[in-house]
Structures are given as C-alpha cells and as structure tokens.
Amino acid sequence: MAGAPPFLDDSAVEALLPWRPLVDAVERSLADYSRRDGSVQQPVRSSFFLPPGSGWFGSMSAFSKSADIIATKLVTSFPENVNLPKIQSTILVHSPADGSLLALMSGECITARRTAAASVAATRHLAARSSVLAILGSGVQARSHAEAFLEASDGVKEVRLWGRNRAATGELVESLSQQYPAVRFVHSESAQLCVAGADVINTTTASPEPILFDSWLPDKGVHINAVGGKVPHKTELEPALLQRAAVYTDSREGAASEVGPVRVPVHAEVGELVSGSAAADKDKISVFLSFGMAVEDAVAARLVWSGYQSSGDH
C-alpha cells in the first residue's frame, strides 16, 4: 500500500456515519454473530483496570465477512474525566484480503453511535411501542440515544431526560429541542418521574449504584436498554428488576464475563431475535444488557471507510 494510511477524526467519522444505515448494519451484524457460522470472528474482549482503579483499558477485535472488514478498537474508560472524554478510543481498520492497514479512525463517534444503534435494533424486536422515550443520563450516550431513536425509529413523540447533573441535563434538553423542534422534550425532576409510563427506557450513566428500581415499573409492557454502569459491569438496574425481567444481550459470552455480581439467565441474544431463531417473551419487562461488540465497531467502520473512498477526499 502506497503512503501512510489516513487518520479520520471524529468530525470526519460523524459526516460519514448516517443513523439509519448504521442501525440497519448493526442489526445485521448482531444476527451474523448469533449464527456462529464463522461469518463473524470475534474473541471476547481483553481488558484490565489501571491502578488505583481510576481507569480501564480494553482491546476489541472482529472480522465481518458480510462487511468484508477487520477492525480493532483500543478503548479507555476514565469515568472521573472532566476536561477529556470519559471514553476514548482508536479503531484500526485492516483489509481481510491481504491484512494491510487501511485506516485509523477516532473511535469516540463510532462507539457512541454504534452503541445507540444497537439499542434501537434491540428495541425494534422487543418493544411493543416507542412513543414515549425515557433517557437516564446527560452525557454522550444520552444524546446519541436521543438522536438514534429520532433519526432511525418511527413514532417517537416525547423524550424525557433525567440526569444527576441538572445543569448538563437542562443544556442537553435545550440543544435537542432546537435540533428536533417537532418532538416534545421534558427535563424530568427525578428518575422515577422520567420513567413513569415510558415505553422505552435507556440507562446511559456511569453510576456504580442502581438508578432504576423494580418498584417503579409495571409487570410488563416496558423495554429497557441498559447501556451504562461502572465499566465493565452492569450496575444501573436494581438486581430485583433484572431477576424478574426477560433479559437479552448482544453476546452470551460477553455477558458471562462482564455482567458482574448479579447473575441472571439470558433469554436470548438480540441477534437470535433478528434472525428468527428465538422469540421474545412478551409477558415480562424486557431488558437489553448492551456490552458492545467489536463487530458493531467493524460494520460502523466499514460504512465510514466506504463513504471515505466514495467522497474523493483522499
């Protein structure tokens, strides 16, 4: 390969990563992964905490046959960061034909968008409706989830947001209101008020303690996308809620290694719902435990790389 591979920063990635094609690509990648037929090669991620426990480093790699790409993401999580992103990452894109390094990409936008895209994909198969959307959190994933649902999911009429940082939540509500003037946005006074009567709930915080409680929710008819928590474990949902819900995930192997101290049976992978090899349990609240998979990064990187090649900017 002649010359050094390009580096695409977050602004370039964002311009080349439209929401609806991304949700569709991530949905297909979940089904490809769950078939376990070799079309996706993806080892469980390697990770470790950095002493004295302030940060976390992970490495995630995947090959997608349908996307014709190999991608590796190096990611760090530092929840206490103030002037830097809490999650930082770089993605290396390789050709499966000859192993050459095609590009390096800033991973923050890809991580934020493919995570929200996976939530939309899960919601397509698990929620009876998505008219009222609740988002707990006020950071990058809160915004990404609002954008993903409004850009790639039909029928959202109201978006409620609650965050522990009241000022940041207010600023997010104002920004989204200007971005989507046809949608009603609500800055909720509490997490409980935020989720009351919601069709879909997204938990997007880094809270090490539960912020969503079992007693707040009905017996069924609600879907939850559990995205955040204290990396890498899921801590935002009260254990009693997890134990009585029908739990779905992106990868059983990932869930087994990263779900944390609360052990719950997995009803199915979302990819199995997409392919039709499993059916959703409609008699319970549904919870999608989203751990994030390298194949999601890979198909997102493919969209970016294909767009870059077509753009003439190289």
C-alpha atoms as a PDB file:
ATOM      1  CA  MET A   1       0.000   0.000   0.000  1.00  0.00           C
ATOM      2  CA  ALA A   2       1.474   3.328  -1.074  1.00  0.00           C
ATOM      3  CA  GLY A   3       1.728   6.038   1.541  1.00  0.00           C
ATOM      4  CA  ALA A   4       0.604   6.139   5.146  1.00  0.00           C
ATOM      5  CA  PRO A   5      -2.983   5.104   5.940  1.00  0.00           C
ATOM      6  CA  PRO A   6      -5.324   8.042   6.604  1.00  0.00           C
ATOM      7  CA  PHE A   7      -6.496   9.057  10.055  1.00  0.00           C
ATOM      8  CA  LEU A   8     -10.167  10.044  10.186  1.00  0.00           C
ATOM      9  CA  ASP A   9     -11.020  12.224  13.172  1.00  0.00           C
ATOM     10  CA  ASP A  10     -14.411  12.383  14.864  1.00  0.00           C
ATOM     11  CA  SER A  11     -15.743  15.134  12.609  1.00  0.00           C
ATOM     12  CA  ALA A  12     -14.899  13.107   9.501  1.00  0.00           C
ATOM     13  CA  VAL A  13     -16.382   9.951  11.018  1.00  0.00           C
ATOM     14  CA  GLU A  14     -19.618  11.712  12.014  1.00  0.00           C
ATOM     15  CA  ALA A  15     -20.119  13.057   8.495  1.00  0.00           C
ATOM     16  CA  LEU A  16     -19.744   9.557   7.033  1.00  0.00           C
ATOM     17  CA  LEU A  17     -21.928   7.664   9.534  1.00  0.00           C
ATOM     18  CA  PRO A  18     -25.672   8.314   8.958  1.00  0.00           C
ATOM     19  CA  TRP A  19     -28.023   6.893  11.573  1.00  0.00           C
ATOM     20  CA  ARG A  20     -30.467   4.691   9.675  1.00  0.00           C
ATOM     21  CA  PRO A  21     -27.868   2.791   7.578  1.00  0.00           C
ATOM     22  CA  LEU A  22     -25.859   2.329  10.772  1.00  0.00           C
ATOM     23  CA  VAL A  23     -28.804   0.865  12.719  1.00  0.00           C
ATOM     24  CA  ASP A  24     -29.538  -1.499   9.827  1.00  0.00           C
ATOM     25  CA  ALA A  25     -25.871  -2.562   9.613  1.00  0.00           C
ATOM     26  CA  VAL A  26     -25.596  -3.144  13.372  1.00  0.00           C
ATOM     27  CA  GLU A  27     -28.848  -5.128  13.350  1.00  0.00           C
ATOM     28  CA  ARG A  28     -27.457  -7.391  10.591  1.00  0.00           C
ATOM     29  CA  SER A  29     -24.166  -7.777  12.449  1.00  0.00           C
ATOM     30  CA  LEU A  30     -25.983  -8.980  15.582  1.00  0.00           C
ATOM     31  CA  ALA A  31     -27.724 -11.664  13.518  1.00  0.00           C
ATOM     32  CA  ASP A  32     -24.465 -12.634  11.793  1.00  0.00           C
ATOM     33  CA  TYR A  33     -22.741 -13.004  15.156  1.00  0.00           C
ATOM     34  CA  SER A  34     -25.517 -15.094  16.706  1.00  0.00           C
ATOM     35  CA  ARG A  35     -25.463 -17.616  13.849  1.00  0.00           C
ATOM     36  CA  ARG A  36     -21.976 -18.767  14.952  1.00  0.00           C
ATOM     37  CA  ASP A  37     -21.256 -19.900  11.392  1.00  0.00           C
ATOM     38  CA  GLY A  38     -17.859 -18.245  11.014  1.00  0.00           C
ATOM     39  CA  SER A  39     -19.149 -15.164   9.225  1.00  0.00           C
ATOM     40  CA  VAL A  40     -18.112 -13.202  12.321  1.00  0.00           C
ATOM     41  CA  GLN A  41     -14.859 -13.871  14.139  1.00  0.00           C
ATOM     42  CA  GLN A  42     -14.782 -12.111  17.474  1.00  0.00           C
ATOM     43  CA  PRO A  43     -12.904 -13.138  20.599  1.00  0.00           C
ATOM     44  CA  VAL A  44     -14.108 -11.925  23.995  1.00  0.00           C
ATOM     45  CA  ARG A  45     -12.505  -8.557  24.629  1.00  0.00           C
ATOM     46  CA  SER A  46      -9.316  -8.266  26.636  1.00  0.00           C
ATOM     47  CA  SER A  47      -9.395  -5.678  29.400  1.00  0.00           C
ATOM     48  CA  PHE A  48      -7.837  -4.617  32.667  1.00  0.00           C
ATOM     49  CA  PHE A  49      -8.207  -1.933  35.306  1.00  0.00           C
ATOM     50  CA  LEU A  50      -5.476   0.609  35.840  1.00  0.00           C
ATOM     51  CA  PRO A  51      -4.275   1.139  39.413  1.00  0.00           C
ATOM     52  CA  PRO A  52      -5.510   2.723  41.611  1.00  0.00           C
ATOM     53  CA  GLY A  53      -8.770   1.833  39.912  1.00  0.00           C
ATOM     54  CA  SER A  54      -9.329   5.153  38.183  1.00  0.00           C
ATOM     55  CA  GLY A  55      -9.372   3.806  34.649  1.00  0.00           C
ATOM     56  CA  TRP A  56      -9.979   0.816  32.412  1.00  0.00           C
ATOM     57  CA  PHE A  57      -8.348  -0.333  29.154  1.00  0.00           C
ATOM     58  CA  GLY A  58      -9.855  -2.702  26.627  1.00  0.00           C
ATOM     59  CA  SER A  59      -8.983  -4.195  23.256  1.00  0.00           C
ATOM     60  CA  MET A  60     -11.720  -5.463  20.911  1.00  0.00           C
ATOM     61  CA  SER A  61     -11.233  -7.109  17.519  1.00  0.00           C
ATOM     62  CA  ALA A  62     -13.591  -8.582  14.941  1.00  0.00           C
ATOM     63  CA  PHE A  63     -13.825  -9.823  11.374  1.00  0.00           C
ATOM     64  CA  SER A  64     -17.102  -9.441   9.493  1.00  0.00           C
ATOM     65  CA  LYS A  65     -17.451 -11.456   6.295  1.00  0.00           C
ATOM     66  CA  SER A  66     -20.541  -9.577   5.116  1.00  0.00           C
ATOM     67  CA  ALA A  67     -18.886  -6.198   5.707  1.00  0.00           C
ATOM     68  CA  ASP A  68     -15.552  -7.500   4.359  1.00  0.00           C
ATOM     69  CA  ILE A  69     -13.504  -5.856   7.084  1.00  0.00           C
ATOM     70  CA  ILE A  70     -11.273  -6.446  10.110  1.00  0.00           C
ATOM     71  CA  ALA A  71     -11.392  -3.844  12.881  1.00  0.00           C
ATOM     72  CA  THR A  72      -9.651  -3.487  16.225  1.00  0.00           C
ATOM     73  CA  LYS A  73     -10.624  -0.904  18.802  1.00  0.00           C
ATOM     74  CA  LEU A  74      -8.344   0.221  21.618  1.00  0.00           C
ATOM     75  CA  VAL A  75     -10.504   1.911  24.240  1.00  0.00           C
ATOM     76  CA  THR A  76     -10.061   3.521  27.637  1.00  0.00           C
ATOM     77  CA  SER A  77     -12.702   4.460  30.201  1.00  0.00           C
ATOM     78  CA  PHE A  78     -11.921   7.076  32.823  1.00  0.00           C
ATOM     79  CA  PRO A  79     -15.296   7.942  34.449  1.00  0.00           C
ATOM     80  CA  GLU A  80     -13.856  10.802  36.502  1.00  0.00           C
ATOM     81  CA  ASN A  81     -12.500  12.730  33.497  1.00  0.00           C
ATOM     82  CA  VAL A  82     -13.649  16.333  33.389  1.00  0.00           C
ATOM     83  CA  ASN A  83     -11.774  18.035  30.539  1.00  0.00           C
ATOM     84  CA  LEU A  84     -11.372  14.917  28.414  1.00  0.00           C
ATOM     85  CA  PRO A  85     -13.961  12.404  27.183  1.00  0.00           C
ATOM     86  CA  LYS A  86     -14.719   9.714  29.727  1.00  0.00           C
ATOM     87  CA  ILE A  87     -14.355   7.131  26.952  1.00  0.00           C
ATOM     88  CA  GLN A  88     -11.544   7.486  24.405  1.00  0.00           C
ATOM     89  CA  SER A  89     -10.730   5.093  21.600  1.00  0.00           C
ATOM     90  CA  THR A  90      -8.961   4.497  18.302  1.00  0.00           C
ATOM     91  CA  ILE A  91     -10.022   1.994  15.642  1.00  0.00           C
ATOM     92  CA  LEU A  92      -7.598   0.263  13.281  1.00  0.00           C
ATOM     93  CA  VAL A  93      -9.141  -0.968  10.029  1.00  0.00           C
ATOM     94  CA  HIS A  94      -7.481  -3.812   8.104  1.00  0.00           C
ATOM     95  CA  SER A  95      -8.219  -5.495   4.796  1.00  0.00           C
ATOM     96  CA  PRO A  96      -9.211  -9.179   5.139  1.00  0.00           C
ATOM     97  CA  ALA A  97      -7.807  -9.759   1.624  1.00  0.00           C
ATOM     98  CA  ASP A  98      -4.159  -9.030   2.397  1.00  0.00           C
ATOM     99  CA  GLY A  99      -4.008  -7.810   6.002  1.00  0.00           C
ATOM    100  CA  SER A 100      -2.972  -4.283   5.051  1.00  0.00           C
ATOM    101  CA  LEU A 101      -3.819  -1.399   7.342  1.00  0.00           C
ATOM    102  CA  LEU A 102      -6.422   0.682   5.514  1.00  0.00           C
ATOM    103  CA  ALA A 103      -7.116   3.451   8.001  1.00  0.00           C
ATOM    104  CA  LEU A 104      -7.115   4.656  11.569  1.00  0.00           C
ATOM    105  CA  MET A 105     -10.245   6.248  12.925  1.00  0.00           C
ATOM    106  CA  SER A 106     -11.081   8.130  16.058  1.00  0.00           C
ATOM    107  CA  GLY A 107     -13.389   5.798  17.924  1.00  0.00           C
ATOM    108  CA  GLU A 108     -15.471   8.130  20.078  1.00  0.00           C
ATOM    109  CA  CYS A 109     -18.180   8.844  17.496  1.00  0.00           C
ATOM    110  CA  ILE A 110     -18.271   5.239  16.291  1.00  0.00           C
ATOM    111  CA  THR A 111     -18.563   3.960  19.870  1.00  0.00           C
ATOM    112  CA  ALA A 112     -21.319   6.432  20.767  1.00  0.00           C
ATOM    113  CA  ARG A 113     -23.305   5.820  17.604  1.00  0.00           C
ATOM    114  CA  ARG A 114     -22.995   2.047  17.275  1.00  0.00           C
ATOM    115  CA  THR A 115     -23.977   1.647  20.960  1.00  0.00           C
ATOM    116  CA  ALA A 116     -27.136   3.670  20.427  1.00  0.00           C
ATOM    117  CA  ALA A 117     -27.745   1.861  17.129  1.00  0.00           C
ATOM    118  CA  ALA A 118     -27.684  -1.485  18.956  1.00  0.00           C
ATOM    119  CA  SER A 119     -30.286  -0.153  21.402  1.00  0.00           C
ATOM    120  CA  VAL A 120     -32.551   0.883  18.534  1.00  0.00           C
ATOM    121  CA  ALA A 121     -32.063  -2.525  16.890  1.00  0.00           C
ATOM    122  CA  ALA A 122     -32.983  -4.312  20.134  1.00  0.00           C
ATOM    123  CA  THR A 123     -35.981  -2.038  20.629  1.00  0.00           C
ATOM    124  CA  ARG A 124     -37.276  -2.928  17.161  1.00  0.00           C
ATOM    125  CA  HIS A 125     -37.662  -6.529  18.318  1.00  0.00           C
ATOM    126  CA  LEU A 126     -38.554  -6.094  21.989  1.00  0.00           C
ATOM    127  CA  ALA A 127     -40.734  -3.005  22.480  1.00  0.00           C
ATOM    128  CA  ALA A 128     -44.454  -3.012  21.735  1.00  0.00           C
ATOM    129  CA  ARG A 129     -44.265   0.740  21.082  1.00  0.00           C
ATOM    130  CA  SER A 130     -41.762   3.576  21.411  1.00  0.00           C
ATOM    131  CA  SER A 131     -43.906   6.697  21.589  1.00  0.00           C
ATOM    132  CA  VAL A 132     -42.519   7.841  24.959  1.00  0.00           C
ATOM    133  CA  LEU A 133     -38.771   7.552  25.379  1.00  0.00           C
ATOM    134  CA  ALA A 134     -37.018   7.941  28.755  1.00  0.00           C
ATOM    135  CA  ILE A 135     -33.274   8.552  28.976  1.00  0.00           C
ATOM    136  CA  LEU A 136     -31.412   8.454  32.277  1.00  0.00           C
ATOM    137  CA  GLY A 137     -28.158  10.332  31.859  1.00  0.00           C
ATOM    138  CA  SER A 138     -26.935  13.580  30.331  1.00  0.00           C
ATOM    139  CA  GLY A 139     -23.677  12.645  28.608  1.00  0.00           C
ATOM    140  CA  VAL A 140     -22.571  11.417  25.199  1.00  0.00           C
ATOM    141  CA  GLN A 141     -24.695   8.278  25.249  1.00  0.00           C
ATOM    142  CA  ALA A 142     -27.780  10.191  26.344  1.00  0.00           C
ATOM    143  CA  ARG A 143     -27.504  12.451  23.299  1.00  0.00           C
ATOM    144  CA  SER A 144     -26.636   9.554  20.988  1.00  0.00           C
ATOM    145  CA  HIS A 145     -29.666   7.570  22.127  1.00  0.00           C
ATOM    146  CA  ALA A 146     -31.987  10.522  21.611  1.00  0.00           C
ATOM    147  CA  GLU A 147     -30.590  11.120  18.126  1.00  0.00           C
ATOM    148  CA  ALA A 148     -30.608   7.436  17.178  1.00  0.00           C
ATOM    149  CA  PHE A 149     -34.247   6.923  18.111  1.00  0.00           C
ATOM    150  CA  LEU A 150     -35.381  10.154  16.468  1.00  0.00           C
ATOM    151  CA  GLU A 151     -33.411   9.518  13.270  1.00  0.00           C
ATOM    152  CA  ALA A 152     -33.888   5.761  12.853  1.00  0.00           C
ATOM    153  CA  SER A 153     -37.023   4.793  14.781  1.00  0.00           C
ATOM    154  CA  ASP A 154     -40.518   5.859  13.799  1.00  0.00           C
ATOM    155  CA  GLY A 155     -43.207   7.059  16.188  1.00  0.00           C
ATOM    156  CA  VAL A 156     -41.272   8.787  19.000  1.00  0.00           C
ATOM    157  CA  LYS A 157     -43.399  11.711  20.201  1.00  0.00           C
ATOM    158  CA  GLU A 158     -41.924  12.521  23.614  1.00  0.00           C
ATOM    159  CA  VAL A 159     -38.402  12.265  25.010  1.00  0.00           C
ATOM    160  CA  ARG A 160     -37.867  12.631  28.760  1.00  0.00           C
ATOM    161  CA  LEU A 161     -34.413  13.135  30.215  1.00  0.00           C
ATOM    162  CA  TRP A 162     -33.098  12.987  33.752  1.00  0.00           C
ATOM    163  CA  GLY A 163     -29.514  13.254  34.940  1.00  0.00           C
ATOM    164  CA  ARG A 164     -27.734  13.716  38.222  1.00  0.00           C
ATOM    165  CA  ASN A 165     -26.065  16.796  36.725  1.00  0.00           C
ATOM    166  CA  ARG A 166     -29.096  19.033  36.465  1.00  0.00           C
ATOM    167  CA  ALA A 167     -27.334  21.800  34.537  1.00  0.00           C
ATOM    168  CA  ALA A 168     -25.937  19.401  31.934  1.00  0.00           C
ATOM    169  CA  THR A 169     -29.346  17.754  31.546  1.00  0.00           C
ATOM    170  CA  GLY A 170     -31.001  21.132  31.022  1.00  0.00           C
ATOM    171  CA  GLU A 171     -28.436  22.074  28.381  1.00  0.00           C
ATOM    172  CA  LEU A 172     -28.997  18.754  26.601  1.00  0.00           C
ATOM    173  CA  VAL A 173     -32.774  19.206  26.635  1.00  0.00           C
ATOM    174  CA  GLU A 174     -32.413  22.704  25.190  1.00  0.00           C
ATOM    175  CA  SER A 175     -29.997  21.547  22.488  1.00  0.00           C
ATOM    176  CA  LEU A 176     -32.171  18.616  21.438  1.00  0.00           C
ATOM    177  CA  SER A 177     -35.288  20.807  21.444  1.00  0.00           C
ATOM    178  CA  GLN A 178     -33.632  23.089  18.911  1.00  0.00           C
ATOM    179  CA  GLN A 179     -32.382  20.124  16.867  1.00  0.00           C
ATOM    180  CA  TYR A 180     -35.808  18.410  16.776  1.00  0.00           C
ATOM    181  CA  PRO A 181     -38.488  21.104  17.161  1.00  0.00           C
ATOM    182  CA  ALA A 182     -41.353  18.727  16.287  1.00  0.00           C
ATOM    183  CA  VAL A 183     -40.636  16.472  19.298  1.00  0.00           C
ATOM    184  CA  ARG A 184     -41.659  17.199  22.895  1.00  0.00           C
ATOM    185  CA  PHE A 185     -38.700  17.125  25.290  1.00  0.00           C
ATOM    186  CA  VAL A 186     -39.131  17.015  29.069  1.00  0.00           C
ATOM    187  CA  HIS A 187     -36.499  17.716  31.734  1.00  0.00           C
ATOM    188  CA  SER A 188     -37.738  15.379  34.474  1.00  0.00           C
ATOM    189  CA  GLU A 189     -37.408  16.272  38.146  1.00  0.00           C
ATOM    190  CA  SER A 190     -36.467  12.726  39.146  1.00  0.00           C
ATOM    191  CA  ALA A 191     -35.523   9.397  37.611  1.00  0.00           C
ATOM    192  CA  GLN A 192     -38.804   7.922  38.829  1.00  0.00           C
ATOM    193  CA  LEU A 193     -40.882  10.623  37.133  1.00  0.00           C
ATOM    194  CA  CYS A 194     -38.784  10.247  33.995  1.00  0.00           C
ATOM    195  CA  VAL A 195     -39.595   6.550  33.560  1.00  0.00           C
ATOM    196  CA  ALA A 196     -43.222   6.618  34.737  1.00  0.00           C
ATOM    197  CA  GLY A 197     -45.378   5.495  31.822  1.00  0.00           C
ATOM    198  CA  ALA A 198     -42.451   5.369  29.382  1.00  0.00           C
ATOM    199  CA  ASP A 199     -42.476   2.773  26.611  1.00  0.00           C
ATOM    200  CA  VAL A 200     -38.693   2.531  26.299  1.00  0.00           C
ATOM    201  CA  ILE A 201     -36.118   3.366  28.982  1.00  0.00           C
ATOM    202  CA  ASN A 202     -32.433   3.895  28.259  1.00  0.00           C
ATOM    203  CA  THR A 203     -29.943   3.944  31.130  1.00  0.00           C
ATOM    204  CA  THR A 204     -26.771   5.685  29.947  1.00  0.00           C
ATOM    205  CA  THR A 205     -24.872   6.697  33.087  1.00  0.00           C
ATOM    206  CA  ALA A 206     -21.624   5.587  34.706  1.00  0.00           C
ATOM    207  CA  SER A 207     -23.347   5.106  38.056  1.00  0.00           C
ATOM    208  CA  PRO A 208     -21.842   2.393  40.284  1.00  0.00           C
ATOM    209  CA  GLU A 209     -25.189   2.164  42.108  1.00  0.00           C
ATOM    210  CA  PRO A 210     -28.710   1.392  40.840  1.00  0.00           C
ATOM    211  CA  ILE A 211     -30.642   4.322  39.408  1.00  0.00           C
ATOM    212  CA  LEU A 212     -33.635   2.326  38.089  1.00  0.00           C
ATOM    213  CA  PHE A 213     -35.715   0.370  40.589  1.00  0.00           C
ATOM    214  CA  ASP A 214     -38.095  -2.563  40.277  1.00  0.00           C
ATOM    215  CA  SER A 215     -40.964  -0.961  42.215  1.00  0.00           C
ATOM    216  CA  TRP A 216     -41.171   1.908  39.722  1.00  0.00           C
ATOM    217  CA  LEU A 217     -42.179  -0.295  36.800  1.00  0.00           C
ATOM    218  CA  PRO A 218     -45.229  -2.386  35.818  1.00  0.00           C
ATOM    219  CA  ASP A 219     -45.240  -6.132  35.297  1.00  0.00           C
ATOM    220  CA  LYS A 220     -44.789  -5.882  31.531  1.00  0.00           C
ATOM    221  CA  GLY A 221     -45.060  -3.547  28.565  1.00  0.00           C
ATOM    222  CA  VAL A 222     -41.784  -1.710  29.129  1.00  0.00           C
ATOM    223  CA  HIS A 223     -38.459  -2.233  27.376  1.00  0.00           C
ATOM    224  CA  ILE A 224     -35.116  -1.179  28.911  1.00  0.00           C
ATOM    225  CA  ASN A 225     -31.799  -0.664  27.142  1.00  0.00           C
ATOM    226  CA  ALA A 226     -29.129  -0.911  29.860  1.00  0.00           C
ATOM    227  CA  VAL A 227     -26.079   0.729  28.327  1.00  0.00           C
ATOM    228  CA  GLY A 228     -24.055   2.247  31.144  1.00  0.00           C
ATOM    229  CA  GLY A 229     -22.856   1.253  34.591  1.00  0.00           C
ATOM    230  CA  LYS A 230     -19.465   1.059  36.214  1.00  0.00           C
ATOM    231  CA  VAL A 231     -17.298  -0.304  33.386  1.00  0.00           C
ATOM    232  CA  PRO A 232     -17.287  -3.112  32.626  1.00  0.00           C
ATOM    233  CA  HIS A 233     -20.136  -4.253  34.901  1.00  0.00           C
ATOM    234  CA  LYS A 234     -23.864  -3.518  34.732  1.00  0.00           C
ATOM    235  CA  THR A 235     -24.822  -1.603  37.882  1.00  0.00           C
ATOM    236  CA  GLU A 236     -27.608   0.808  36.883  1.00  0.00           C
ATOM    237  CA  LEU A 237     -30.542  -1.603  37.384  1.00  0.00           C
ATOM    238  CA  GLU A 238     -31.660  -2.863  40.767  1.00  0.00           C
ATOM    239  CA  PRO A 239     -30.936  -6.608  40.984  1.00  0.00           C
ATOM    240  CA  ALA A 240     -34.603  -7.373  41.712  1.00  0.00           C
ATOM    241  CA  LEU A 241     -35.541  -5.767  38.386  1.00  0.00           C
ATOM    242  CA  LEU A 242     -33.007  -7.835  36.469  1.00  0.00           C
ATOM    243  CA  GLN A 243     -34.123 -11.018  38.167  1.00  0.00           C
ATOM    244  CA  ARG A 244     -37.791 -10.677  37.211  1.00  0.00           C
ATOM    245  CA  ALA A 245     -37.250  -9.346  33.663  1.00  0.00           C
ATOM    246  CA  ALA A 246     -36.671 -11.241  30.427  1.00  0.00           C
ATOM    247  CA  VAL A 247     -33.006 -10.454  29.787  1.00  0.00           C
ATOM    248  CA  TYR A 248     -31.434 -10.206  26.332  1.00  0.00           C
ATOM    249  CA  THR A 249     -27.897  -9.367  25.353  1.00  0.00           C
ATOM    250  CA  ASP A 250     -25.629  -8.941  22.368  1.00  0.00           C
ATOM    251  CA  SER A 251     -23.328 -11.823  23.321  1.00  0.00           C
ATOM    252  CA  ARG A 252     -23.794 -14.584  25.878  1.00  0.00           C
ATOM    253  CA  GLU A 253     -20.020 -14.916  26.181  1.00  0.00           C
ATOM    254  CA  GLY A 254     -19.649 -11.212  26.872  1.00  0.00           C
ATOM    255  CA  ALA A 255     -22.470 -11.274  29.400  1.00  0.00           C
ATOM    256  CA  ALA A 256     -20.919 -14.233  31.216  1.00  0.00           C
ATOM    257  CA  SER A 257     -17.605 -12.423  31.615  1.00  0.00           C
ATOM    258  CA  GLU A 258     -18.825  -8.870  32.287  1.00  0.00           C
ATOM    259  CA  VAL A 259     -22.303  -8.832  33.808  1.00  0.00           C
ATOM    260  CA  GLY A 260     -20.815  -8.508  37.292  1.00  0.00           C
ATOM    261  CA  PRO A 261     -22.010  -9.976  40.601  1.00  0.00           C
ATOM    262  CA  VAL A 262     -25.702 -10.201  39.629  1.00  0.00           C
ATOM    263  CA  ARG A 263     -26.210 -13.405  37.657  1.00  0.00           C
ATOM    264  CA  VAL A 264     -29.373 -13.683  35.609  1.00  0.00           C
ATOM    265  CA  PRO A 265     -30.386 -16.113  32.871  1.00  0.00           C
ATOM    266  CA  VAL A 266     -30.219 -14.745  29.331  1.00  0.00           C
ATOM    267  CA  HIS A 267     -33.434 -15.409  27.418  1.00  0.00           C
ATOM    268  CA  ALA A 268     -31.808 -14.830  24.017  1.00  0.00           C
ATOM    269  CA  GLU A 269     -29.281 -12.802  22.110  1.00  0.00           C
ATOM    270  CA  VAL A 270     -30.791  -9.933  20.122  1.00  0.00           C
ATOM    271  CA  GLY A 271     -29.231 -11.441  17.005  1.00  0.00           C
ATOM    272  CA  GLU A 272     -31.351 -14.554  17.535  1.00  0.00           C
ATOM    273  CA  LEU A 273     -34.466 -12.372  17.573  1.00  0.00           C
ATOM    274  CA  VAL A 274     -33.337 -10.675  14.367  1.00  0.00           C
ATOM    275  CA  SER A 275     -32.762 -13.985  12.569  1.00  0.00           C
ATOM    276  CA  GLY A 276     -35.947 -15.549  13.938  1.00  0.00           C
ATOM    277  CA  SER A 277     -34.200 -18.399  15.749  1.00  0.00           C
ATOM    278  CA  ALA A 278     -35.617 -17.173  19.087  1.00  0.00           C
ATOM    279  CA  ALA A 279     -38.775 -15.340  20.133  1.00  0.00           C
ATOM    280  CA  ALA A 280     -39.249 -12.558  22.662  1.00  0.00           C
ATOM    281  CA  ASP A 281     -41.071 -13.163  25.946  1.00  0.00           C
ATOM    282  CA  LYS A 282     -43.974 -10.708  25.809  1.00  0.00           C
ATOM    283  CA  ASP A 283     -45.196 -11.480  29.344  1.00  0.00           C
ATOM    284  CA  LYS A 284     -42.313  -9.740  31.108  1.00  0.00           C
ATOM    285  CA  ILE A 285     -40.437  -6.465  31.072  1.00  0.00           C
ATOM    286  CA  SER A 286     -37.573  -6.817  28.598  1.00  0.00           C
ATOM    287  CA  VAL A 287     -34.011  -5.712  29.346  1.00  0.00           C
ATOM    288  CA  PHE A 288     -31.264  -5.462  26.747  1.00  0.00           C
ATOM    289  CA  LEU A 289     -27.902  -5.707  28.503  1.00  0.00           C
ATOM    290  CA  SER A 290     -25.671  -3.958  25.990  1.00  0.00           C
ATOM    291  CA  PHE A 291     -21.979  -4.700  26.431  1.00  0.00           C
ATOM    292  CA  GLY A 292     -20.913  -3.580  22.969  1.00  0.00           C
ATOM    293  CA  MET A 293     -19.255  -5.847  20.446  1.00  0.00           C
ATOM    294  CA  ALA A 294     -16.290  -5.407  18.159  1.00  0.00           C
ATOM    295  CA  VAL A 295     -18.362  -6.500  15.169  1.00  0.00           C
ATOM    296  CA  GLU A 296     -20.550  -3.426  15.741  1.00  0.00           C
ATOM    297  CA  ASP A 297     -17.413  -1.276  15.512  1.00  0.00           C
ATOM    298  CA  ALA A 298     -16.371  -3.191  12.397  1.00  0.00           C
ATOM    299  CA  VAL A 299     -19.588  -2.634  10.440  1.00  0.00           C
ATOM    300  CA  ALA A 300     -19.650   1.016  11.511  1.00  0.00           C
ATOM    301  CA  ALA A 301     -16.037   1.410  10.356  1.00  0.00           C
ATOM    302  CA  ARG A 302     -16.994  -0.202   7.038  1.00  0.00           C
ATOM    303  CA  LEU A 303     -19.674   2.461   6.483  1.00  0.00           C
ATOM    304  CA  VAL A 304     -17.148   5.184   7.269  1.00  0.00           C
ATOM    305  CA  TRP A 305     -14.438   3.668   5.059  1.00  0.00           C
ATOM    306  CA  SER A 306     -16.799   3.130   2.133  1.00  0.00           C
ATOM    307  CA  GLY A 307     -18.029   6.689   2.451  1.00  0.00           C
ATOM    308  CA  TYR A 308     -14.475   7.998   2.583  1.00  0.00           C
ATOM    309  CA  GLN A 309     -13.499   6.059  -0.532  1.00  0.00           C
ATOM    310  CA  SER A 310     -16.519   7.454  -2.389  1.00  0.00           C
ATOM    311  CA  SER A 311     -16.002  11.009  -1.230  1.00  0.00           C
ATOM    312  CA  GLY A 312     -12.863  11.777  -3.206  1.00  0.00           C
ATOM    313  CA  ASP A 313     -11.229  13.285  -0.121  1.00  0.00           C
ATOM    314  CA  HIS A 314      -8.149  11.062  -0.403  1.00  0.00           C
END
